C-alpha atoms as a PDB file:
ATOM      1  CA  UNK A   1     -11.686   9.944  12.238  1.00  0.00           C
ATOM      2  CA  UNK A   2      -9.632   7.166  12.751  1.00  0.00           C
ATOM      3  CA  UNK A   3      -6.206   7.350  14.694  1.00  0.00           C
ATOM      4  CA  UNK A   4      -4.224   5.728  11.355  1.00  0.00           C
ATOM      5  CA  UNK A   5      -6.045   8.903   9.385  1.00  0.00           C
ATOM      6  CA  UNK A   6      -4.951  11.337  11.777  1.00  0.00           C
ATOM      7  CA  UNK A   7      -1.703  10.205  11.533  1.00  0.00           C
ATOM      8  CA  UNK A   8      -1.010   9.784   8.052  1.00  0.00           C
ATOM      9  CA  UNK A   9      -2.796  13.585   7.696  1.00  0.00           C
ATOM     10  CA  UNK A  10      -0.358  15.006   9.804  1.00  0.00           C
ATOM     11  CA  UNK A  11       2.324  13.211   8.630  1.00  0.00           C
ATOM     12  CA  UNK A  12       2.022  13.859   5.005  1.00  0.00           C
ATOM     13  CA  UNK A  13       1.233  17.740   5.951  1.00  0.00           C
ATOM     14  CA  UNK A  14       4.130  17.698   7.799  1.00  0.00           C
ATOM     15  CA  UNK A  15       6.157  16.150   4.800  1.00  0.00           C
ATOM     16  CA  UNK A  16       4.671  19.102   2.366  1.00  0.00           C
ATOM     17  CA  UNK A  17       4.911  22.042   4.697  1.00  0.00           C
ATOM     18  CA  UNK A  18       8.331  21.200   6.238  1.00  0.00           C
ATOM     19  CA  UNK A  19       9.883  18.551   4.010  1.00  0.00           C
ATOM     20  CA  UNK A  20      13.109  18.881   2.495  1.00  0.00           C
ATOM     21  CA  UNK A  21      13.594  18.074  -1.328  1.00  0.00           C
ATOM     22  CA  UNK A  22      16.238  15.183  -2.920  1.00  0.00           C
ATOM     23  CA  UNK A  23      15.212  16.953  -6.372  1.00  0.00           C
ATOM     24  CA  UNK A  24      18.963  17.876  -6.438  1.00  0.00           C
ATOM     25  CA  UNK A  25      20.617  14.934  -5.425  1.00  0.00           C
ATOM     26  CA  UNK A  26      21.874  12.035  -7.155  1.00  0.00           C
ATOM     27  CA  UNK A  27      18.814   9.481  -6.301  1.00  0.00           C
ATOM     28  CA  UNK A  28      18.940   5.859  -6.795  1.00  0.00           C
ATOM     29  CA  UNK A  29      15.645   5.176  -7.576  1.00  0.00           C
ATOM     30  CA  UNK A  30      13.546   5.605 -11.328  1.00  0.00           C
ATOM     31  CA  UNK A  31      10.464   5.633 -12.872  1.00  0.00           C
ATOM     32  CA  UNK A  32       9.222   3.170 -15.046  1.00  0.00           C
ATOM     33  CA  UNK A  33       9.831   5.380 -18.048  1.00  0.00           C
ATOM     34  CA  UNK A  34      13.659   6.066 -16.911  1.00  0.00           C
ATOM     35  CA  UNK A  35      13.408   9.264 -15.319  1.00  0.00           C
ATOM     36  CA  UNK A  36      14.485  10.422 -12.234  1.00  0.00           C
ATOM     37  CA  UNK A  37      12.278   9.824  -9.240  1.00  0.00           C
ATOM     38  CA  UNK A  38      12.574  12.179  -6.035  1.00  0.00           C
ATOM     39  CA  UNK A  39      11.289  13.003  -2.823  1.00  0.00           C
ATOM     40  CA  UNK A  40      10.182  15.093  -0.371  1.00  0.00           C
ATOM     41  CA  UNK A  41      11.374  13.641   3.157  1.00  0.00           C
ATOM     42  CA  UNK A  42      11.492  14.183   7.014  1.00  0.00           C
ATOM     43  CA  UNK A  43      13.913  12.441   8.539  1.00  0.00           C
ATOM     44  CA  UNK A  44      13.154  10.333  12.437  1.00  0.00           C
ATOM     45  CA  UNK A  45       9.658  10.193  12.559  1.00  0.00           C
ATOM     46  CA  UNK A  46       7.434   7.715  15.070  1.00  0.00           C
ATOM     47  CA  UNK A  47       3.836   7.140  15.179  1.00  0.00           C
ATOM     48  CA  UNK A  48       2.086   5.449  17.883  1.00  0.00           C
ATOM     49  CA  UNK A  49      -0.959   3.158  17.715  1.00  0.00           C
ATOM     50  CA  UNK A  50      -2.944   1.578  20.771  1.00  0.00           C
ATOM     51  CA  UNK A  51      -4.115  -1.502  19.413  1.00  0.00           C
ATOM     52  CA  UNK A  52      -6.360  -1.969  22.318  1.00  0.00           C
ATOM     53  CA  UNK A  53      -8.450   1.102  21.341  1.00  0.00           C
ATOM     54  CA  UNK A  54      -8.966   0.532  17.683  1.00  0.00           C
ATOM     55  CA  UNK A  55      -7.467  -0.839  14.333  1.00  0.00           C
ATOM     56  CA  UNK A  56      -4.736   1.283  12.504  1.00  0.00           C
ATOM     57  CA  UNK A  57      -6.598   1.073   9.095  1.00  0.00           C
ATOM     58  CA  UNK A  58      -6.341   3.993   6.661  1.00  0.00           C
ATOM     59  CA  UNK A  59      -9.947   5.267   5.376  1.00  0.00           C
ATOM     60  CA  UNK A  60      -8.718   8.250   3.272  1.00  0.00           C
ATOM     61  CA  UNK A  61      -8.502   5.200   0.604  1.00  0.00           C
ATOM     62  CA  UNK A  62      -8.501   1.506   0.858  1.00  0.00           C
ATOM     63  CA  UNK A  63      -5.707  -0.519   2.455  1.00  0.00           C
ATOM     64  CA  UNK A  64      -6.101  -4.099   0.925  1.00  0.00           C
ATOM     65  CA  UNK A  65      -6.405  -5.796   4.102  1.00  0.00           C
ATOM     66  CA  UNK A  66      -6.379  -9.646   3.140  1.00  0.00           C
ATOM     67  CA  UNK A  67      -3.110  -8.962   0.576  1.00  0.00           C
ATOM     68  CA  UNK A  68      -1.625  -7.111   3.398  1.00  0.00           C
ATOM     69  CA  UNK A  69      -2.219  -9.910   5.951  1.00  0.00           C
ATOM     70  CA  UNK A  70      -1.429 -12.661   2.996  1.00  0.00           C
ATOM     71  CA  UNK A  71       2.970 -10.820   2.628  1.00  0.00           C
ATOM     72  CA  UNK A  72       3.285 -10.482   6.425  1.00  0.00           C
ATOM     73  CA  UNK A  73       2.391 -14.307   6.848  1.00  0.00           C
ATOM     74  CA  UNK A  74       4.486 -15.060   3.602  1.00  0.00           C
ATOM     75  CA  UNK A  75       7.694 -13.422   5.376  1.00  0.00           C
ATOM     76  CA  UNK A  76       6.754 -14.300   9.091  1.00  0.00           C
ATOM     77  CA  UNK A  77       4.899 -17.473   8.798  1.00  0.00           C
ATOM     78  CA  UNK A  78       6.079 -19.216   5.388  1.00  0.00           C
ATOM     79  CA  UNK A  79       9.603 -17.150   5.892  1.00  0.00           C
ATOM     80  CA  UNK A  80       9.865 -17.408   2.454  1.00  0.00           C
ATOM     81  CA  UNK A  81      11.594 -15.342  -0.630  1.00  0.00           C
ATOM     82  CA  UNK A  82      10.261 -16.910  -3.305  1.00  0.00           C
ATOM     83  CA  UNK A  83       7.229 -14.721  -4.936  1.00  0.00           C
ATOM     84  CA  UNK A  84       5.404 -17.860  -6.090  1.00  0.00           C
ATOM     85  CA  UNK A  85       4.487 -18.722  -2.760  1.00  0.00           C
ATOM     86  CA  UNK A  86       2.425 -14.850  -2.643  1.00  0.00           C
ATOM     87  CA  UNK A  87      -0.838 -14.452  -3.819  1.00  0.00           C
ATOM     88  CA  UNK A  88      -0.295 -10.928  -4.718  1.00  0.00           C
ATOM     89  CA  UNK A  89       2.485  -9.362  -7.682  1.00  0.00           C
ATOM     90  CA  UNK A  90       3.904  -6.939  -5.305  1.00  0.00           C
ATOM     91  CA  UNK A  91       7.556  -8.083  -5.364  1.00  0.00           C
ATOM     92  CA  UNK A  92       7.570  -9.323  -8.959  1.00  0.00           C
ATOM     93  CA  UNK A  93       9.730  -6.618 -10.118  1.00  0.00           C
ATOM     94  CA  UNK A  94      12.635  -7.664  -7.264  1.00  0.00           C
ATOM     95  CA  UNK A  95      12.210 -11.284  -8.234  1.00  0.00           C
ATOM     96  CA  UNK A  96      15.586 -12.723  -9.943  1.00  0.00           C
ATOM     97  CA  UNK A  97      15.352 -15.264 -12.619  1.00  0.00           C
ATOM     98  CA  UNK A  98      15.591 -18.188  -9.901  1.00  0.00           C
ATOM     99  CA  UNK A  99      12.165 -16.158  -8.864  1.00  0.00           C
ATOM    100  CA  UNK A 100      13.353 -15.424  -5.664  1.00  0.00           C
ATOM    101  CA  UNK A 101      14.036 -11.751  -4.159  1.00  0.00           C
ATOM    102  CA  UNK A 102      17.696 -13.349  -2.855  1.00  0.00           C
ATOM    103  CA  UNK A 103      18.207 -13.873   1.160  1.00  0.00           C
ATOM    104  CA  UNK A 104      15.737 -11.202   1.952  1.00  0.00           C
ATOM    105  CA  UNK A 105      13.109 -10.511   4.368  1.00  0.00           C
ATOM    106  CA  UNK A 106      11.248 -14.257   4.889  1.00  0.00           C
ATOM    107  CA  UNK A 107      14.570 -15.894   4.179  1.00  0.00           C
ATOM    108  CA  UNK A 108      16.650 -14.201   6.957  1.00  0.00           C
ATOM    109  CA  UNK A 109      13.598 -15.043   9.842  1.00  0.00           C
ATOM    110  CA  UNK A 110      14.014 -18.746   8.974  1.00  0.00           C
ATOM    111  CA  UNK A 111      17.764 -19.375   9.468  1.00  0.00           C
ATOM    112  CA  UNK A 112      18.658 -21.038  12.699  1.00  0.00           C
ATOM    113  CA  UNK A 113      20.578 -19.516  15.165  1.00  0.00           C
ATOM    114  CA  UNK A 114      22.032 -21.557  18.384  1.00  0.00           C
ATOM    115  CA  UNK A 115      20.532 -20.661  21.902  1.00  0.00           C
ATOM    116  CA  UNK A 116      21.838 -22.153  25.418  1.00  0.00           C
ATOM    117  CA  UNK A 117      17.703 -23.537  24.926  1.00  0.00           C
ATOM    118  CA  UNK A 118      18.690 -25.061  21.260  1.00  0.00           C
ATOM    119  CA  UNK A 119      18.284 -23.995  18.135  1.00  0.00           C
ATOM    120  CA  UNK A 120      15.533 -21.568  16.801  1.00  0.00           C
ATOM    121  CA  UNK A 121      14.979 -19.386  14.084  1.00  0.00           C
ATOM    122  CA  UNK A 122      13.593 -15.566  14.552  1.00  0.00           C
ATOM    123  CA  UNK A 123       9.947 -16.111  14.785  1.00  0.00           C
ATOM    124  CA  UNK A 124      10.009 -19.559  16.673  1.00  0.00           C
ATOM    125  CA  UNK A 125      12.585 -17.576  19.396  1.00  0.00           C
ATOM    126  CA  UNK A 126      10.479 -14.949  19.549  1.00  0.00           C
ATOM    127  CA  UNK A 127       7.083 -17.308  19.919  1.00  0.00           C
ATOM    128  CA  UNK A 128       9.094 -19.273  22.293  1.00  0.00           C
ATOM    129  CA  UNK A 129      10.111 -16.384  24.864  1.00  0.00           C
ATOM    130  CA  UNK A 130       6.646 -14.879  24.770  1.00  0.00           C
ATOM    131  CA  UNK A 131       5.686 -17.942  26.380  1.00  0.00           C
ATOM    132  CA  UNK A 132       8.503 -18.837  28.792  1.00  0.00           C
ATOM    133  CA  UNK A 133      10.288 -15.323  29.275  1.00  0.00           C
ATOM    134  CA  UNK A 134       7.418 -12.828  28.562  1.00  0.00           C
ATOM    135  CA  UNK A 135       9.040  -9.864  30.476  1.00  0.00           C
ATOM    136  CA  UNK A 136      12.697 -10.276  29.113  1.00  0.00           C
ATOM    137  CA  UNK A 137      14.162  -6.798  27.486  1.00  0.00           C
ATOM    138  CA  UNK A 138      15.686  -8.851  24.641  1.00  0.00           C
ATOM    139  CA  UNK A 139      12.670 -10.455  22.486  1.00  0.00           C
ATOM    140  CA  UNK A 140      13.568  -8.837  19.013  1.00  0.00           C
ATOM    141  CA  UNK A 141      13.996  -9.589  15.526  1.00  0.00           C
ATOM    142  CA  UNK A 142      16.434  -8.389  12.411  1.00  0.00           C
ATOM    143  CA  UNK A 143      16.744  -9.282   8.980  1.00  0.00           C
ATOM    144  CA  UNK A 144      19.099  -6.714   8.313  1.00  0.00           C
ATOM    145  CA  UNK A 145      22.302  -8.884   7.703  1.00  0.00           C
ATOM    146  CA  UNK A 146      24.982  -7.207   6.935  1.00  0.00           C
ATOM    147  CA  UNK A 147      26.814 -10.509   5.432  1.00  0.00           C
ATOM    148  CA  UNK A 148      24.042 -11.178   3.249  1.00  0.00           C
ATOM    149  CA  UNK A 149      23.072  -7.926   1.585  1.00  0.00           C
ATOM    150  CA  UNK A 150      24.945  -8.871  -1.141  1.00  0.00           C
ATOM    151  CA  UNK A 151      22.530 -11.294  -2.255  1.00  0.00           C
ATOM    152  CA  UNK A 152      19.398  -9.317  -1.212  1.00  0.00           C
ATOM    153  CA  UNK A 153      17.209  -8.050  -4.323  1.00  0.00           C
ATOM    154  CA  UNK A 154      15.898  -5.194  -2.537  1.00  0.00           C
ATOM    155  CA  UNK A 155      17.536  -3.924   1.106  1.00  0.00           C
ATOM    156  CA  UNK A 156      15.162  -4.685   3.968  1.00  0.00           C
ATOM    157  CA  UNK A 157      12.841  -1.685   4.205  1.00  0.00           C
ATOM    158  CA  UNK A 158      11.252  -2.538   7.780  1.00  0.00           C
ATOM    159  CA  UNK A 159      14.254  -4.528   8.919  1.00  0.00           C
ATOM    160  CA  UNK A 160      13.352  -4.834  12.962  1.00  0.00           C
ATOM    161  CA  UNK A 161      11.088  -5.293  15.709  1.00  0.00           C
ATOM    162  CA  UNK A 162      11.004  -5.493  19.563  1.00  0.00           C
ATOM    163  CA  UNK A 163       8.573  -6.638  21.459  1.00  0.00           C
ATOM    164  CA  UNK A 164       7.629  -5.536  25.227  1.00  0.00           C
ATOM    165  CA  UNK A 165       5.119  -7.037  27.184  1.00  0.00           C
ATOM    166  CA  UNK A 166       4.230  -4.860  30.327  1.00  0.00           C
ATOM    167  CA  UNK A 167       1.420  -6.288  32.523  1.00  0.00           C
ATOM    168  CA  UNK A 168      -0.614  -8.873  30.250  1.00  0.00           C
ATOM    169  CA  UNK A 169      -0.180  -6.204  26.936  1.00  0.00           C
ATOM    170  CA  UNK A 170       2.405  -7.088  24.368  1.00  0.00           C
ATOM    171  CA  UNK A 171       3.964  -4.317  22.495  1.00  0.00           C
ATOM    172  CA  UNK A 172       6.262  -4.082  19.397  1.00  0.00           C
ATOM    173  CA  UNK A 173       8.495  -1.202  18.132  1.00  0.00           C
ATOM    174  CA  UNK A 174       8.671  -1.455  14.115  1.00  0.00           C
ATOM    175  CA  UNK A 175      11.939   0.130  12.843  1.00  0.00           C
ATOM    176  CA  UNK A 176      11.906   1.045   8.944  1.00  0.00           C
ATOM    177  CA  UNK A 177      14.971   2.617   7.670  1.00  0.00           C
ATOM    178  CA  UNK A 178      12.782   3.944   4.603  1.00  0.00           C
ATOM    179  CA  UNK A 179       9.376   4.214   3.430  1.00  0.00           C
ATOM    180  CA  UNK A 180       7.355   5.639   0.628  1.00  0.00           C
ATOM    181  CA  UNK A 181       4.502   7.413   2.156  1.00  0.00           C
ATOM    182  CA  UNK A 182       1.579   7.140  -0.185  1.00  0.00           C
ATOM    183  CA  UNK A 183       2.386   3.296  -1.371  1.00  0.00           C
ATOM    184  CA  UNK A 184       3.359   1.793   1.946  1.00  0.00           C
ATOM    185  CA  UNK A 185       2.784   3.505   5.063  1.00  0.00           C
ATOM    186  CA  UNK A 186      -0.805   2.062   6.489  1.00  0.00           C
ATOM    187  CA  UNK A 187       0.320  -1.297   4.549  1.00  0.00           C
ATOM    188  CA  UNK A 188       3.313  -1.268   7.059  1.00  0.00           C
ATOM    189  CA  UNK A 189       1.159  -0.481   9.564  1.00  0.00           C
ATOM    190  CA  UNK A 190      -1.676  -2.658   9.174  1.00  0.00           C
ATOM    191  CA  UNK A 191       0.688  -5.631   8.953  1.00  0.00           C
ATOM    192  CA  UNK A 192       2.352  -5.172  11.980  1.00  0.00           C
ATOM    193  CA  UNK A 193      -0.891  -4.533  13.942  1.00  0.00           C
ATOM    194  CA  UNK A 194      -2.014  -8.060  12.641  1.00  0.00           C
ATOM    195  CA  UNK A 195       1.020  -9.898  13.272  1.00  0.00           C
ATOM    196  CA  UNK A 196       1.133  -8.266  17.088  1.00  0.00           C
ATOM    197  CA  UNK A 197      -2.330  -9.295  17.371  1.00  0.00           C
ATOM    198  CA  UNK A 198      -1.332 -12.271  15.940  1.00  0.00           C
ATOM    199  CA  UNK A 199       1.789 -13.288  18.308  1.00  0.00           C
ATOM    200  CA  UNK A 200      -0.602 -11.764  21.391  1.00  0.00           C
ATOM    201  CA  UNK A 201      -3.299 -14.231  20.787  1.00  0.00           C
ATOM    202  CA  UNK A 202      -1.032 -17.691  20.585  1.00  0.00           C
ATOM    203  CA  UNK A 203       0.777 -16.213  23.888  1.00  0.00           C
ATOM    204  CA  UNK A 204      -2.192 -15.591  26.296  1.00  0.00           C
ATOM    205  CA  UNK A 205      -1.737 -11.599  25.955  1.00  0.00           C
ATOM    206  CA  UNK A 206      -3.621  -8.547  24.424  1.00  0.00           C
ATOM    207  CA  UNK A 207      -2.470  -6.350  21.580  1.00  0.00           C
ATOM    208  CA  UNK A 208      -0.886  -3.321  23.507  1.00  0.00           C
ATOM    209  CA  UNK A 209       0.943  -0.691  21.534  1.00  0.00           C
ATOM    210  CA  UNK A 210       2.603  -0.583  17.956  1.00  0.00           C
ATOM    211  CA  UNK A 211       5.358   1.972  17.761  1.00  0.00           C
ATOM    212  CA  UNK A 212       6.619   2.847  14.143  1.00  0.00           C
ATOM    213  CA  UNK A 213       9.684   4.615  13.912  1.00  0.00           C
ATOM    214  CA  UNK A 214      10.453   5.391  10.138  1.00  0.00           C
ATOM    215  CA  UNK A 215      13.970   7.158   9.763  1.00  0.00           C
ATOM    216  CA  UNK A 216      13.434   8.142   6.280  1.00  0.00           C
ATOM    217  CA  UNK A 217       9.440   9.111   5.275  1.00  0.00           C
ATOM    218  CA  UNK A 218       8.935  10.420   1.962  1.00  0.00           C
ATOM    219  CA  UNK A 219       6.466  11.645  -0.736  1.00  0.00           C
ATOM    220  CA  UNK A 220       7.673  10.646  -4.241  1.00  0.00           C
ATOM    221  CA  UNK A 221       7.273  13.595  -6.881  1.00  0.00           C
ATOM    222  CA  UNK A 222       4.790  11.988  -8.868  1.00  0.00           C
ATOM    223  CA  UNK A 223       2.735  10.842  -5.932  1.00  0.00           C
ATOM    224  CA  UNK A 224       2.321  14.813  -4.396  1.00  0.00           C
ATOM    225  CA  UNK A 225      -0.827  15.700  -6.051  1.00  0.00           C
ATOM    226  CA  UNK A 226      -2.310  11.743  -5.179  1.00  0.00           C
ATOM    227  CA  UNK A 227      -1.684  12.887  -1.313  1.00  0.00           C
ATOM    228  CA  UNK A 228      -3.098  16.202  -1.775  1.00  0.00           C
ATOM    229  CA  UNK A 229      -6.109  14.687  -3.069  1.00  0.00           C
ATOM    230  CA  UNK A 230      -6.373  12.138  -0.112  1.00  0.00           C
ATOM    231  CA  UNK A 231      -5.557  15.135   2.632  1.00  0.00           C
ATOM    232  CA  UNK A 232      -8.804  17.088   0.796  1.00  0.00           C
ATOM    233  CA  UNK A 233     -11.306  14.201   1.657  1.00  0.00           C
ATOM    234  CA  UNK A 234     -13.520  13.512   5.015  1.00  0.00           C
ATOM    235  CA  UNK A 235     -11.823  10.267   6.402  1.00  0.00           C
ATOM    236  CA  UNK A 236     -14.687   7.486   8.220  1.00  0.00           C
ATOM    237  CA  UNK A 237     -14.253   5.927  11.773  1.00  0.00           C
ATOM    238  CA  UNK A 238     -11.995   2.799  12.123  1.00  0.00           C
ATOM    239  CA  UNK A 239     -13.538  -0.467  11.190  1.00  0.00           C
ATOM    240  CA  UNK A 240     -14.166  -3.223  14.171  1.00  0.00           C
ATOM    241  CA  UNK A 241     -11.069  -5.902  13.627  1.00  0.00           C
ATOM    242  CA  UNK A 242     -11.614  -9.383  13.928  1.00  0.00           C
ATOM    243  CA  UNK A 243      -9.624 -12.479  14.789  1.00  0.00           C
ATOM    244  CA  UNK A 244     -10.498 -16.182  14.973  1.00  0.00           C
ATOM    245  CA  UNK A 245      -9.854 -16.764  19.060  1.00  0.00           C
ATOM    246  CA  UNK A 246     -10.072 -20.350  18.146  1.00  0.00           C
ATOM    247  CA  UNK A 247      -6.415 -20.478  16.621  1.00  0.00           C
ATOM    248  CA  UNK A 248      -3.290 -21.060  19.420  1.00  0.00           C
ATOM    249  CA  UNK A 249      -0.740 -22.120  17.098  1.00  0.00           C
ATOM    250  CA  UNK A 250       0.818 -19.189  15.194  1.00  0.00           C
ATOM    251  CA  UNK A 251       1.528 -20.917  12.383  1.00  0.00           C
ATOM    252  CA  UNK A 252      -2.284 -21.831  11.581  1.00  0.00           C
ATOM    253  CA  UNK A 253      -3.058 -18.909  11.090  1.00  0.00           C
ATOM    254  CA  UNK A 254      -5.027 -17.836   7.688  1.00  0.00           C
ATOM    255  CA  UNK A 255      -5.931 -14.956   5.683  1.00  0.00           C
ATOM    256  CA  UNK A 256      -9.463 -16.494   6.386  1.00  0.00           C
ATOM    257  CA  UNK A 257      -8.947 -15.439   9.833  1.00  0.00           C
ATOM    258  CA  UNK A 258      -9.386 -11.913  10.042  1.00  0.00           C
ATOM    259  CA  UNK A 259     -11.745  -9.570   9.369  1.00  0.00           C
ATOM    260  CA  UNK A 260     -13.077  -5.878   9.534  1.00  0.00           C
ATOM    261  CA  UNK A 261     -16.515  -4.968  10.464  1.00  0.00           C
ATOM    262  CA  UNK A 262     -17.731  -1.291   9.089  1.00  0.00           C
ATOM    263  CA  UNK A 263     -14.992  -0.549   6.648  1.00  0.00           C
ATOM    264  CA  UNK A 264     -15.667   2.236   5.150  1.00  0.00           C
ATOM    265  CA  UNK A 265     -12.951   4.389   2.798  1.00  0.00           C
ATOM    266  CA  UNK A 266     -12.466   6.654   0.260  1.00  0.00           C
ATOM    267  CA  UNK A 267     -12.559   5.817  -3.730  1.00  0.00           C
ATOM    268  CA  UNK A 268      -9.536   4.480  -5.622  1.00  0.00           C
ATOM    269  CA  UNK A 269      -7.029   7.155  -6.408  1.00  0.00           C
ATOM    270  CA  UNK A 270      -6.075   4.838  -9.419  1.00  0.00           C
ATOM    271  CA  UNK A 271      -2.748   2.979 -10.608  1.00  0.00           C
ATOM    272  CA  UNK A 272       0.267   4.980  -8.240  1.00  0.00           C
ATOM    273  CA  UNK A 273       3.555   4.695 -10.343  1.00  0.00           C
ATOM    274  CA  UNK A 274       5.894   2.899  -8.459  1.00  0.00           C
ATOM    275  CA  UNK A 275       9.676   4.333  -8.142  1.00  0.00           C
ATOM    276  CA  UNK A 276      12.536   1.048  -8.700  1.00  0.00           C
END
């Protein structure tokens, strides 16, 4: 059993057995047919993944590895909010008439700010500090910009990352305000695990721990039976993560620079309904 499977199983069992139902509350999300989408939730979940030991991808069902990387490059490398620059259609429902998701995600990372060393956007500041001030306790990003929230088509879910170098290992804390467990849990874990590997490699470091802090971790009412199906399955061992060691510049990475060896996973659950 992979570490990602173990954590996912523990989280889902905790939510289903001990979680709080929002069924009788006034909820914003709804299903495509207009009916209310409520959740069973837990508050304040903290999960830890040691990236030096194994790559944290779910085997109970497939996590689309290359698509997850494509989105993280869209946000962190392209710093884009244009859905046309993303190869999947996961953001289509939140695209406005201008073809963007508003001033959200990659848009925020691309805004330049003035420091004593000069002007940097948030990504370039992280890259600068990892090379020049690696033991700083101030290496972080935050895309929850209150000034621009009214121009975001979706408020950021995974909104801040704090990086910390211990010895020669790069660690990171991902803070997430809300998470749809079935749809997004392992997707986000895979993305930020890859991001830590990328930042570590171009900074002459090794990937260390990814700590995932989730304020509101929930399972939607129409996902409960699907989650129970996953929990009934036998997981596989974690695959081996491969990264192109020749890449030394963060902006040179492409989805083809990453692969998994021996990735086995359970059958598809079919189309998963999305609450919007």
